Amino acid sequence: MQSDEANELKRCRALALEQNQRLLGEAHRRIQQAEQMLTYPQLDAEQFERYKRLKASALHCYAEALEHLAIIDRDFPEPPASNDVAHTLAPAPAATNDAHNHVRTLAFND
C-alpha cells in the first residue's frame, strides 16, 4: 500500500509541476509581449501604459508560479531516492552570533 501512496504522490507532483510550467510559460509570453511593445517606432503614452500593465501582469504571473512551486514542494515533496543515504542524515543547525555574543539557532520554516 505504501508504494501505491508514493506513486500517487509522484503523479500529483508531476501534474502540479506541469501546471507550474504552464504558469511560467504564460508569464514568459506576457513579458515578451510587453518588451515587444517597446520596439514600436513611435511609442505614445497610451501604448506605454499598456506596456506597464502587461509587464505588471507578467510579473504577477511569475509571482504566482513561484508561490505555486512553494506549495508543490510543501504538499508534494520529492521523495528521496531509494539508494540516497543523504536523506537519513540530520542537517546541522545554522548558528550566528547576535549583538550580545549569544549563539542562536536559525530555523528555516515556510
PDB file of N, CA and C in Angstrom:
ATOM      1  N   MET A   1       0.831  -1.201   0.000  1.00  0.00           N
ATOM      2  CA  MET A   1       0.000   0.000   0.000  1.00  0.00           C
ATOM      3  C   MET A   1       0.866   1.251   0.000  1.00  0.00           C
ATOM      4  N   GLN A   2       1.980   1.196   0.701  1.00  0.00           N
ATOM      5  CA  GLN A   2       2.877   2.348   0.767  1.00  0.00           C
ATOM      6  C   GLN A   2       3.343   2.754  -0.623  1.00  0.00           C
ATOM      7  N   SER A   3       3.620   1.761  -1.466  1.00  0.00           N
ATOM      8  CA  SER A   3       4.089   2.027  -2.819  1.00  0.00           C
ATOM      9  C   SER A   3       3.010   2.724  -3.641  1.00  0.00           C
ATOM     10  N   ASP A   4       1.744   2.310  -3.477  1.00  0.00           N
ATOM     11  CA  ASP A   4       0.639   2.961  -4.185  1.00  0.00           C
ATOM     12  C   ASP A   4       0.516   4.424  -3.782  1.00  0.00           C
ATOM     13  N   GLU A   5       0.656   4.676  -2.495  1.00  0.00           N
ATOM     14  CA  GLU A   5       0.574   6.053  -1.997  1.00  0.00           C
ATOM     15  C   GLU A   5       1.730   6.888  -2.540  1.00  0.00           C
ATOM     16  N   ALA A   6       2.915   6.329  -2.553  1.00  0.00           N
ATOM     17  CA  ALA A   6       4.083   7.046  -3.078  1.00  0.00           C
ATOM     18  C   ALA A   6       3.913   7.332  -4.563  1.00  0.00           C
ATOM     19  N   ASN A   7       3.381   6.359  -5.299  1.00  0.00           N
ATOM     20  CA  ASN A   7       3.145   6.571  -6.732  1.00  0.00           C
ATOM     21  C   ASN A   7       2.094   7.645  -6.975  1.00  0.00           C
ATOM     22  N   GLU A   8       1.061   7.656  -6.159  1.00  0.00           N
ATOM     23  CA  GLU A   8       0.011   8.674  -6.291  1.00  0.00           C
ATOM     24  C   GLU A   8       0.585  10.061  -6.011  1.00  0.00           C
ATOM     25  N   LEU A   9       1.430  10.183  -4.979  1.00  0.00           N
ATOM     26  CA  LEU A   9       2.067  11.466  -4.678  1.00  0.00           C
ATOM     27  C   LEU A   9       2.959  11.904  -5.834  1.00  0.00           C
ATOM     28  N   LYS A  10       3.680  10.970  -6.443  1.00  0.00           N
ATOM     29  CA  LYS A  10       4.529  11.304  -7.592  1.00  0.00           C
ATOM     30  C   LYS A  10       3.691  11.810  -8.753  1.00  0.00           C
ATOM     31  N   ARG A  11       2.548  11.160  -9.007  1.00  0.00           N
ATOM     32  CA  ARG A  11       1.667  11.600 -10.101  1.00  0.00           C
ATOM     33  C   ARG A  11       1.098  12.988  -9.811  1.00  0.00           C
ATOM     34  N   CYS A  12       0.698  13.214  -8.578  1.00  0.00           N
ATOM     35  CA  CYS A  12       0.165  14.538  -8.206  1.00  0.00           C
ATOM     36  C   CYS A  12       1.237  15.612  -8.370  1.00  0.00           C
ATOM     37  N   ARG A  13       2.440  15.299  -7.930  1.00  0.00           N
ATOM     38  CA  ARG A  13       3.549  16.258  -8.065  1.00  0.00           C
ATOM     39  C   ARG A  13       3.825  16.546  -9.538  1.00  0.00           C
ATOM     40  N   ALA A  14       3.859  15.501 -10.349  1.00  0.00           N
ATOM     41  CA  ALA A  14       4.125  15.685 -11.778  1.00  0.00           C
ATOM     42  C   ALA A  14       3.053  16.555 -12.424  1.00  0.00           C
ATOM     43  N   LEU A  15       1.794  16.323 -12.092  1.00  0.00           N
ATOM     44  CA  LEU A  15       0.703  17.122 -12.638  1.00  0.00           C
ATOM     45  C   LEU A  15       0.809  18.584 -12.187  1.00  0.00           C
ATOM     46  N   ALA A  16       1.121  18.767 -10.914  1.00  0.00           N
ATOM     47  CA  ALA A  16       1.264  20.126 -10.388  1.00  0.00           C
ATOM     48  C   ALA A  16       2.452  20.843 -11.033  1.00  0.00           C
ATOM     49  N   LEU A  17       3.548  20.114 -11.274  1.00  0.00           N
ATOM     50  CA  LEU A  17       4.699  20.729 -11.928  1.00  0.00           C
ATOM     51  C   LEU A  17       4.394  21.086 -13.381  1.00  0.00           C
ATOM     52  N   GLU A  18       3.573  20.287 -14.047  1.00  0.00           N
ATOM     53  CA  GLU A  18       3.143  20.633 -15.415  1.00  0.00           C
ATOM     54  C   GLU A  18       2.358  21.936 -15.404  1.00  0.00           C
ATOM     55  N   GLN A  19       1.451  22.073 -14.449  1.00  0.00           N
ATOM     56  CA  GLN A  19       0.674  23.307 -14.337  1.00  0.00           C
ATOM     57  C   GLN A  19       1.597  24.482 -14.041  1.00  0.00           C
ATOM     58  N   ASN A  20       2.596  24.252 -13.217  1.00  0.00           N
ATOM     59  CA  ASN A  20       3.544  25.318 -12.897  1.00  0.00           C
ATOM     60  C   ASN A  20       4.295  25.748 -14.152  1.00  0.00           C
ATOM     61  N   GLN A  21       4.651  24.799 -15.001  1.00  0.00           N
ATOM     62  CA  GLN A  21       5.325  25.130 -16.258  1.00  0.00           C
ATOM     63  C   GLN A  21       4.420  25.957 -17.158  1.00  0.00           C
ATOM     64  N   ARG A  22       3.130  25.663 -17.153  1.00  0.00           N
ATOM     65  CA  ARG A  22       2.183  26.465 -17.942  1.00  0.00           C
ATOM     66  C   ARG A  22       2.131  27.900 -17.414  1.00  0.00           C
ATOM     67  N   LEU A  23       2.110  28.043 -16.077  1.00  0.00           N
ATOM     68  CA  LEU A  23       2.110  29.385 -15.490  1.00  0.00           C
ATOM     69  C   LEU A  23       3.374  30.153 -15.883  1.00  0.00           C
ATOM     70  N   LEU A  24       4.517  29.492 -15.795  1.00  0.00           N
ATOM     71  CA  LEU A  24       5.771  30.145 -16.178  1.00  0.00           C
ATOM     72  C   LEU A  24       5.777  30.489 -17.664  1.00  0.00           C
ATOM     73  N   GLY A  25       5.243  29.613 -18.483  1.00  0.00           N
ATOM     74  CA  GLY A  25       5.158  29.877 -19.921  1.00  0.00           C
ATOM     75  C   GLY A  25       4.295  31.093 -20.225  1.00  0.00           C
ATOM     76  N   GLU A  26       3.168  31.194 -19.527  1.00  0.00           N
ATOM     77  CA  GLU A  26       2.283  32.347 -19.723  1.00  0.00           C
ATOM     78  C   GLU A  26       2.975  33.632 -19.271  1.00  0.00           C
ATOM     79  N   ALA A  27       3.657  33.580 -18.152  1.00  0.00           N
ATOM     80  CA  ALA A  27       4.381  34.757 -17.668  1.00  0.00           C
ATOM     81  C   ALA A  27       5.450  35.163 -18.681  1.00  0.00           C
ATOM     82  N   HIS A  28       6.159  34.193 -19.204  1.00  0.00           N
ATOM     83  CA  HIS A  28       7.201  34.478 -20.192  1.00  0.00           C
ATOM     84  C   HIS A  28       6.598  35.090 -21.463  1.00  0.00           C
ATOM     85  N   ARG A  29       5.470  34.527 -21.898  1.00  0.00           N
ATOM     86  CA  ARG A  29       4.795  35.066 -23.089  1.00  0.00           C
ATOM     87  C   ARG A  29       4.392  36.529 -22.873  1.00  0.00           C
ATOM     88  N   ARG A  30       3.861  36.838 -21.700  1.00  0.00           N
ATOM     89  CA  ARG A  30       3.428  38.202 -21.413  1.00  0.00           C
ATOM     90  C   ARG A  30       4.603  39.173 -21.364  1.00  0.00           C
ATOM     91  N   ILE A  31       5.700  38.752 -20.755  1.00  0.00           N
ATOM     92  CA  ILE A  31       6.851  39.654 -20.661  1.00  0.00           C
ATOM     93  C   ILE A  31       7.437  39.904 -22.042  1.00  0.00           C
ATOM     94  N   GLN A  32       7.443  38.879 -22.895  1.00  0.00           N
ATOM     95  CA  GLN A  32       7.932  39.072 -24.264  1.00  0.00           C
ATOM     96  C   GLN A  32       7.015  40.028 -25.027  1.00  0.00           C
ATOM     97  N   GLN A  33       5.716  39.858 -24.855  1.00  0.00           N
ATOM     98  CA  GLN A  33       4.752  40.762 -25.491  1.00  0.00           C
ATOM     99  C   GLN A  33       4.991  42.200 -25.049  1.00  0.00           C
ATOM    100  N   ALA A  34       5.181  42.380 -23.749  1.00  0.00           N
ATOM    101  CA  ALA A  34       5.398  43.721 -23.218  1.00  0.00           C
ATOM    102  C   ALA A  34       6.674  44.324 -23.799  1.00  0.00           C
ATOM    103  N   GLU A  35       7.741  43.564 -23.804  1.00  0.00           N
ATOM    104  CA  GLU A  35       9.008  44.097 -24.297  1.00  0.00           C
ATOM    105  C   GLU A  35       8.967  44.353 -25.798  1.00  0.00           C
ATOM    106  N   GLN A  36       8.162  43.587 -26.507  1.00  0.00           N
ATOM    107  CA  GLN A  36       7.980  43.837 -27.945  1.00  0.00           C
ATOM    108  C   GLN A  36       7.359  45.216 -28.164  1.00  0.00           C
ATOM    109  N   MET A  37       6.481  45.622 -27.266  1.00  0.00           N
ATOM    110  CA  MET A  37       5.831  46.928 -27.397  1.00  0.00           C
ATOM    111  C   MET A  37       6.848  48.062 -27.342  1.00  0.00           C
ATOM    112  N   LEU A  38       7.944  47.857 -26.632  1.00  0.00           N
ATOM    113  CA  LEU A  38       8.963  48.907 -26.525  1.00  0.00           C
ATOM    114  C   LEU A  38       9.714  49.125 -27.833  1.00  0.00           C
ATOM    115  N   THR A  39       9.560  48.219 -28.771  1.00  0.00           N
ATOM    116  CA  THR A  39      10.251  48.356 -30.060  1.00  0.00           C
ATOM    117  C   THR A  39       9.430  49.152 -31.063  1.00  0.00           C
ATOM    118  N   TYR A  40       8.207  49.544 -30.702  1.00  0.00           N
ATOM    119  CA  TYR A  40       7.379  50.334 -31.619  1.00  0.00           C
ATOM    120  C   TYR A  40       8.110  51.631 -31.935  1.00  0.00           C
ATOM    121  N   PRO A  41       8.123  52.024 -33.222  1.00  0.00           N
ATOM    122  CA  PRO A  41       8.879  53.227 -33.606  1.00  0.00           C
ATOM    123  C   PRO A  41       8.377  54.508 -32.920  1.00  0.00           C
ATOM    124  N   GLN A  42       7.080  54.638 -32.765  1.00  0.00           N
ATOM    125  CA  GLN A  42       6.549  55.849 -32.127  1.00  0.00           C
ATOM    126  C   GLN A  42       5.663  55.449 -30.953  1.00  0.00           C
ATOM    127  N   LEU A  43       6.315  55.114 -29.870  1.00  0.00           N
ATOM    128  CA  LEU A  43       5.616  54.684 -28.667  1.00  0.00           C
ATOM    129  C   LEU A  43       4.981  55.904 -28.004  1.00  0.00           C
ATOM    130  N   ASP A  44       3.645  55.896 -27.919  1.00  0.00           N
ATOM    131  CA  ASP A  44       2.975  57.028 -27.281  1.00  0.00           C
ATOM    132  C   ASP A  44       2.620  56.668 -25.833  1.00  0.00           C
ATOM    133  N   ALA A  45       2.039  57.619 -25.127  1.00  0.00           N
ATOM    134  CA  ALA A  45       1.734  57.436 -23.700  1.00  0.00           C
ATOM    135  C   ALA A  45       0.751  56.295 -23.472  1.00  0.00           C
ATOM    136  N   GLU A  46      -0.245  56.168 -24.332  1.00  0.00           N
ATOM    137  CA  GLU A  46      -1.239  55.105 -24.183  1.00  0.00           C
ATOM    138  C   GLU A  46      -0.594  53.728 -24.376  1.00  0.00           C
ATOM    139  N   GLN A  47       0.259  53.604 -25.370  1.00  0.00           N
ATOM    140  CA  GLN A  47       0.955  52.339 -25.600  1.00  0.00           C
ATOM    141  C   GLN A  47       1.891  52.016 -24.430  1.00  0.00           C
ATOM    142  N   PHE A  48       2.527  53.053 -23.893  1.00  0.00           N
ATOM    143  CA  PHE A  48       3.425  52.827 -22.766  1.00  0.00           C
ATOM    144  C   PHE A  48       2.646  52.361 -21.537  1.00  0.00           C
ATOM    145  N   GLU A  49       1.447  52.898 -21.336  1.00  0.00           N
ATOM    146  CA  GLU A  49       0.600  52.445 -20.227  1.00  0.00           C
ATOM    147  C   GLU A  49       0.203  50.982 -20.432  1.00  0.00           C
ATOM    148  N   ARG A  50      -0.102  50.597 -21.670  1.00  0.00           N
ATOM    149  CA  ARG A  50      -0.411  49.195 -21.971  1.00  0.00           C
ATOM    150  C   ARG A  50       0.806  48.316 -21.674  1.00  0.00           C
ATOM    151  N   TYR A  51       1.993  48.804 -22.038  1.00  0.00           N
ATOM    152  CA  TYR A  51       3.228  48.083 -21.752  1.00  0.00           C
ATOM    153  C   TYR A  51       3.369  47.861 -20.246  1.00  0.00           C
ATOM    154  N   LYS A  52       3.168  48.910 -19.452  1.00  0.00           N
ATOM    155  CA  LYS A  52       3.315  48.805 -17.998  1.00  0.00           C
ATOM    156  C   LYS A  52       2.314  47.815 -17.404  1.00  0.00           C
ATOM    157  N   ARG A  53       1.067  47.836 -17.893  1.00  0.00           N
ATOM    158  CA  ARG A  53       0.049  46.908 -17.391  1.00  0.00           C
ATOM    159  C   ARG A  53       0.409  45.466 -17.756  1.00  0.00           C
ATOM    160  N   LEU A  54       0.866  45.265 -18.984  1.00  0.00           N
ATOM    161  CA  LEU A  54       1.226  43.921 -19.426  1.00  0.00           C
ATOM    162  C   LEU A  54       2.443  43.397 -18.667  1.00  0.00           C
ATOM    163  N   LYS A  55       3.415  44.261 -18.438  1.00  0.00           N
ATOM    164  CA  LYS A  55       4.594  43.851 -17.681  1.00  0.00           C
ATOM    165  C   LYS A  55       4.210  43.524 -16.239  1.00  0.00           C
ATOM    166  N   ALA A  56       3.364  44.339 -15.634  1.00  0.00           N
ATOM    167  CA  ALA A  56       2.909  44.072 -14.263  1.00  0.00           C
ATOM    168  C   ALA A  56       2.149  42.746 -14.209  1.00  0.00           C
ATOM    169  N   SER A  57       1.350  42.482 -15.228  1.00  0.00           N
ATOM    170  CA  SER A  57       0.619  41.223 -15.302  1.00  0.00           C
ATOM    171  C   SER A  57       1.587  40.047 -15.400  1.00  0.00           C
ATOM    172  N   ALA A  58       2.640  40.199 -16.193  1.00  0.00           N
ATOM    173  CA  ALA A  58       3.650  39.145 -16.335  1.00  0.00           C
ATOM    174  C   ALA A  58       4.360  38.904 -15.010  1.00  0.00           C
ATOM    175  N   LEU A  59       4.736  39.964 -14.331  1.00  0.00           N
ATOM    176  CA  LEU A  59       5.424  39.822 -13.045  1.00  0.00           C
ATOM    177  C   LEU A  59       4.522  39.164 -12.007  1.00  0.00           C
ATOM    178  N   HIS A  60       3.239  39.503 -12.049  1.00  0.00           N
ATOM    179  CA  HIS A  60       2.275  38.873 -11.139  1.00  0.00           C
ATOM    180  C   HIS A  60       2.172  37.375 -11.448  1.00  0.00           C
ATOM    181  N   CYS A  61       2.176  37.036 -12.711  1.00  0.00           N
ATOM    182  CA  CYS A  61       2.107  35.640 -13.126  1.00  0.00           C
ATOM    183  C   CYS A  61       3.357  34.874 -12.663  1.00  0.00           C
ATOM    184  N   TYR A  62       4.522  35.499 -12.790  1.00  0.00           N
ATOM    185  CA  TYR A  62       5.754  34.884 -12.279  1.00  0.00           C
ATOM    186  C   TYR A  62       5.646  34.652 -10.772  1.00  0.00           C
ATOM    187  N   ALA A  63       5.134  35.637 -10.045  1.00  0.00           N
ATOM    188  CA  ALA A  63       4.991  35.507  -8.588  1.00  0.00           C
ATOM    189  C   ALA A  63       4.037  34.364  -8.240  1.00  0.00           C
ATOM    190  N   GLU A  64       2.940  34.244  -8.993  1.00  0.00           N
ATOM    191  CA  GLU A  64       2.007  33.138  -8.764  1.00  0.00           C
ATOM    192  C   GLU A  64       2.689  31.795  -8.996  1.00  0.00           C
ATOM    193  N   ALA A  65       3.507  31.718 -10.037  1.00  0.00           N
ATOM    194  CA  ALA A  65       4.204  30.471 -10.342  1.00  0.00           C
ATOM    195  C   ALA A  65       5.175  30.111  -9.214  1.00  0.00           C
ATOM    196  N   LEU A  66       5.879  31.099  -8.678  1.00  0.00           N
ATOM    197  CA  LEU A  66       6.797  30.832  -7.570  1.00  0.00           C
ATOM    198  C   LEU A  66       6.047  30.379  -6.320  1.00  0.00           C
ATOM    199  N   GLU A  67       4.928  31.032  -6.037  1.00  0.00           N
ATOM    200  CA  GLU A  67       4.117  30.644  -4.887  1.00  0.00           C
ATOM    201  C   GLU A  67       3.570  29.226  -5.087  1.00  0.00           C
ATOM    202  N   HIS A  68       3.123  28.950  -6.300  1.00  0.00           N
ATOM    203  CA  HIS A  68       2.606  27.626  -6.628  1.00  0.00           C
ATOM    204  C   HIS A  68       3.691  26.559  -6.447  1.00  0.00           C
ATOM    205  N   LEU A  69       4.911  26.870  -6.865  1.00  0.00           N
ATOM    206  CA  LEU A  69       6.015  25.926  -6.721  1.00  0.00           C
ATOM    207  C   LEU A  69       6.323  25.663  -5.242  1.00  0.00           C
ATOM    208  N   ALA A  70       6.259  26.693  -4.428  1.00  0.00           N
ATOM    209  CA  ALA A  70       6.487  26.510  -2.987  1.00  0.00           C
ATOM    210  C   ALA A  70       5.419  25.604  -2.379  1.00  0.00           C
ATOM    211  N   ILE A  71       4.188  25.754  -2.825  1.00  0.00           N
ATOM    212  CA  ILE A  71       3.089  24.900  -2.336  1.00  0.00           C
ATOM    213  C   ILE A  71       3.301  23.458  -2.788  1.00  0.00           C
ATOM    214  N   ILE A  72       3.738  23.291  -4.038  1.00  0.00           N
ATOM    215  CA  ILE A  72       4.024  21.939  -4.542  1.00  0.00           C
ATOM    216  C   ILE A  72       5.089  21.283  -3.678  1.00  0.00           C
ATOM    217  N   ASP A  73       6.167  22.006  -3.430  1.00  0.00           N
ATOM    218  CA  ASP A  73       7.255  21.441  -2.631  1.00  0.00           C
ATOM    219  C   ASP A  73       6.818  21.126  -1.206  1.00  0.00           C
ATOM    220  N   ARG A  74       5.896  21.922  -0.687  1.00  0.00           N
ATOM    221  CA  ARG A  74       5.397  21.678   0.665  1.00  0.00           C
ATOM    222  C   ARG A  74       4.425  20.493   0.698  1.00  0.00           C
ATOM    223  N   ASP A  75       3.466  20.471  -0.223  1.00  0.00           N
ATOM    224  CA  ASP A  75       2.407  19.466  -0.193  1.00  0.00           C
ATOM    225  C   ASP A  75       2.774  18.151  -0.884  1.00  0.00           C
ATOM    226  N   PHE A  76       3.658  18.227  -1.874  1.00  0.00           N
ATOM    227  CA  PHE A  76       4.073  17.036  -2.617  1.00  0.00           C
ATOM    228  C   PHE A  76       5.591  16.996  -2.700  1.00  0.00           C
ATOM    229  N   PRO A  77       6.265  16.806  -1.563  1.00  0.00           N
ATOM    230  CA  PRO A  77       7.726  16.823  -1.591  1.00  0.00           C
ATOM    231  C   PRO A  77       8.259  15.703  -2.486  1.00  0.00           C
ATOM    232  N   GLU A  78       9.381  15.986  -3.091  1.00  0.00           N
ATOM    233  CA  GLU A  78      10.006  14.982  -3.938  1.00  0.00           C
ATOM    234  C   GLU A  78      10.515  13.855  -3.045  1.00  0.00           C
ATOM    235  N   PRO A  79      10.099  12.631  -3.331  1.00  0.00           N
ATOM    236  CA  PRO A  79      10.546  11.530  -2.471  1.00  0.00           C
ATOM    237  C   PRO A  79      12.032  11.284  -2.643  1.00  0.00           C
ATOM    238  N   PRO A  80      12.706  10.913  -1.557  1.00  0.00           N
ATOM    239  CA  PRO A  80      14.139  10.628  -1.676  1.00  0.00           C
ATOM    240  C   PRO A  80      14.350   9.375  -2.516  1.00  0.00           C
ATOM    241  N   ALA A  81      15.451   9.344  -3.218  1.00  0.00           N
ATOM    242  CA  ALA A  81      15.802   8.155  -3.989  1.00  0.00           C
ATOM    243  C   ALA A  81      16.061   7.014  -3.026  1.00  0.00           C
ATOM    244  N   SER A  82      15.717   5.821  -3.416  1.00  0.00           N
ATOM    245  CA  SER A  82      15.837   4.677  -2.506  1.00  0.00           C
ATOM    246  C   SER A  82      17.280   4.387  -2.116  1.00  0.00           C
ATOM    247  N   ASN A  83      18.242   4.731  -2.977  1.00  0.00           N
ATOM    248  CA  ASN A  83      19.641   4.481  -2.648  1.00  0.00           C
ATOM    249  C   ASN A  83      20.345   5.733  -2.134  1.00  0.00           C
ATOM    250  N   ASP A  84      19.585   6.772  -1.829  1.00  0.00           N
ATOM    251  CA  ASP A  84      20.142   8.035  -1.357  1.00  0.00           C
ATOM    252  C   ASP A  84      20.298   7.988   0.158  1.00  0.00           C
ATOM    253  N   VAL A  85      21.523   7.982   0.632  1.00  0.00           N
ATOM    254  CA  VAL A  85      21.798   7.918   2.063  1.00  0.00           C
ATOM    255  C   VAL A  85      21.701   9.299   2.697  1.00  0.00           C
ATOM    256  N   ALA A  86      21.852  10.347   1.911  1.00  0.00           N
ATOM    257  CA  ALA A  86      21.902  11.706   2.461  1.00  0.00           C
ATOM    258  C   ALA A  86      20.635  12.070   3.209  1.00  0.00           C
ATOM    259  N   HIS A  87      19.477  11.542   2.793  1.00  0.00           N
ATOM    260  CA  HIS A  87      18.237  11.925   3.472  1.00  0.00           C
ATOM    261  C   HIS A  87      18.152  11.385   4.891  1.00  0.00           C
ATOM    262  N   THR A  88      19.013  10.457   5.249  1.00  0.00           N
ATOM    263  CA  THR A  88      18.984   9.913   6.608  1.00  0.00           C
ATOM    264  C   THR A  88      19.802  10.748   7.574  1.00  0.00           C
ATOM    265  N   LEU A  89      20.634  11.638   7.055  1.00  0.00           N
ATOM    266  CA  LEU A  89      21.468  12.470   7.906  1.00  0.00           C
ATOM    267  C   LEU A  89      20.714  13.716   8.325  1.00  0.00           C
ATOM    268  N   ALA A  90      20.778  14.059   9.583  1.00  0.00           N
ATOM    269  CA  ALA A  90      20.123  15.275  10.065  1.00  0.00           C
ATOM    270  C   ALA A  90      21.012  16.463   9.740  1.00  0.00           C
ATOM    271  N   PRO A  91      20.437  17.535   9.152  1.00  0.00           N
ATOM    272  CA  PRO A  91      21.259  18.699   8.847  1.00  0.00           C
ATOM    273  C   PRO A  91      21.699  19.410  10.121  1.00  0.00           C
ATOM    274  N   ALA A  92      22.888  19.943  10.094  1.00  0.00           N
ATOM    275  CA  ALA A  92      23.396  20.704  11.242  1.00  0.00           C
ATOM    276  C   ALA A  92      22.673  22.039  11.291  1.00  0.00           C
ATOM    277  N   PRO A  93      22.290  22.506  12.466  1.00  0.00           N
ATOM    278  CA  PRO A  93      21.607  23.797  12.564  1.00  0.00           C
ATOM    279  C   PRO A  93      22.571  24.935  12.240  1.00  0.00           C
ATOM    280  N   ALA A  94      22.051  25.932  11.545  1.00  0.00           N
ATOM    281  CA  ALA A  94      22.845  27.123  11.259  1.00  0.00           C
ATOM    282  C   ALA A  94      22.858  27.992  12.506  1.00  0.00           C
ATOM    283  N   ALA A  95      23.987  28.585  12.803  1.00  0.00           N
ATOM    284  CA  ALA A  95      24.091  29.406  14.009  1.00  0.00           C
ATOM    285  C   ALA A  95      24.790  30.711  13.683  1.00  0.00           C
ATOM    286  N   THR A  96      24.393  31.744  14.369  1.00  0.00           N
ATOM    287  CA  THR A  96      25.043  33.048  14.241  1.00  0.00           C
ATOM    288  C   THR A  96      25.209  33.634  15.631  1.00  0.00           C
ATOM    289  N   ASN A  97      26.044  34.624  15.724  1.00  0.00           N
ATOM    290  CA  ASN A  97      26.190  35.348  16.987  1.00  0.00           C
ATOM    291  C   ASN A  97      25.379  36.624  16.895  1.00  0.00           C
ATOM    292  N   ASP A  98      24.564  36.881  17.904  1.00  0.00           N
ATOM    293  CA  ASP A  98      23.822  38.134  17.889  1.00  0.00           C
ATOM    294  C   ASP A  98      24.676  39.235  18.520  1.00  0.00           C
ATOM    295  N   ALA A  99      24.108  40.394  18.720  1.00  0.00           N
ATOM    296  CA  ALA A  99      24.853  41.554  19.211  1.00  0.00           C
ATOM    297  C   ALA A  99      25.463  41.323  20.590  1.00  0.00           C
ATOM    298  N   HIS A 100      24.913  40.416  21.378  1.00  0.00           N
ATOM    299  CA  HIS A 100      25.405  40.168  22.733  1.00  0.00           C
ATOM    300  C   HIS A 100      26.214  38.875  22.807  1.00  0.00           C
ATOM    301  N   ASN A 101      26.697  38.413  21.672  1.00  0.00           N
ATOM    302  CA  ASN A 101      27.505  37.197  21.585  1.00  0.00           C
ATOM    303  C   ASN A 101      26.788  35.954  22.102  1.00  0.00           C
ATOM    304  N   HIS A 102      25.484  35.926  22.008  1.00  0.00           N
ATOM    305  CA  HIS A 102      24.738  34.721  22.321  1.00  0.00           C
ATOM    306  C   HIS A 102      24.540  33.957  21.019  1.00  0.00           C
ATOM    307  N   VAL A 103      24.814  32.704  21.042  1.00  0.00           N
ATOM    308  CA  VAL A 103      24.601  31.873  19.848  1.00  0.00           C
ATOM    309  C   VAL A 103      23.129  31.565  19.751  1.00  0.00           C
ATOM    310  N   ARG A 104      22.583  31.748  18.578  1.00  0.00           N
ATOM    311  CA  ARG A 104      21.180  31.385  18.376  1.00  0.00           C
ATOM    312  C   ARG A 104      21.085  30.550  17.123  1.00  0.00           C
ATOM    313  N   THR A 105      20.172  29.622  17.151  1.00  0.00           N
ATOM    314  CA  THR A 105      19.962  28.742  16.011  1.00  0.00           C
ATOM    315  C   THR A 105      18.937  29.362  15.086  1.00  0.00           C
ATOM    316  N   LEU A 106      19.239  29.334  13.804  1.00  0.00           N
ATOM    317  CA  LEU A 106      18.315  29.853  12.806  1.00  0.00           C
ATOM    318  C   LEU A 106      17.419  28.729  12.343  1.00  0.00           C
ATOM    319  N   ALA A 107      16.126  28.966  12.305  1.00  0.00           N
ATOM    320  CA  ALA A 107      15.181  27.971  11.802  1.00  0.00           C
ATOM    321  C   ALA A 107      14.727  28.401  10.418  1.00  0.00           C
ATOM    322  N   PHE A 108      14.702  27.476   9.507  1.00  0.00           N
ATOM    323  CA  PHE A 108      14.261  27.758   8.146  1.00  0.00           C
ATOM    324  C   PHE A 108      12.894  27.127   7.953  1.00  0.00           C
ATOM    325  N   ASN A 109      11.856  27.903   8.212  1.00  0.00           N
ATOM    326  CA  ASN A 109      10.482  27.436   8.091  1.00  0.00           C
ATOM    327  C   ASN A 109       9.798  28.138   6.932  1.00  0.00           C
ATOM    328  N   ASP A 110       8.619  27.626   6.556  1.00  0.00           N
ATOM    329  CA  ASP A 110       7.826  28.263   5.484  1.00  0.00           C
ATOM    330  C   ASP A 110       7.446  29.661   5.868  1.00  0.00           C
TER     331      ASP A 110
END
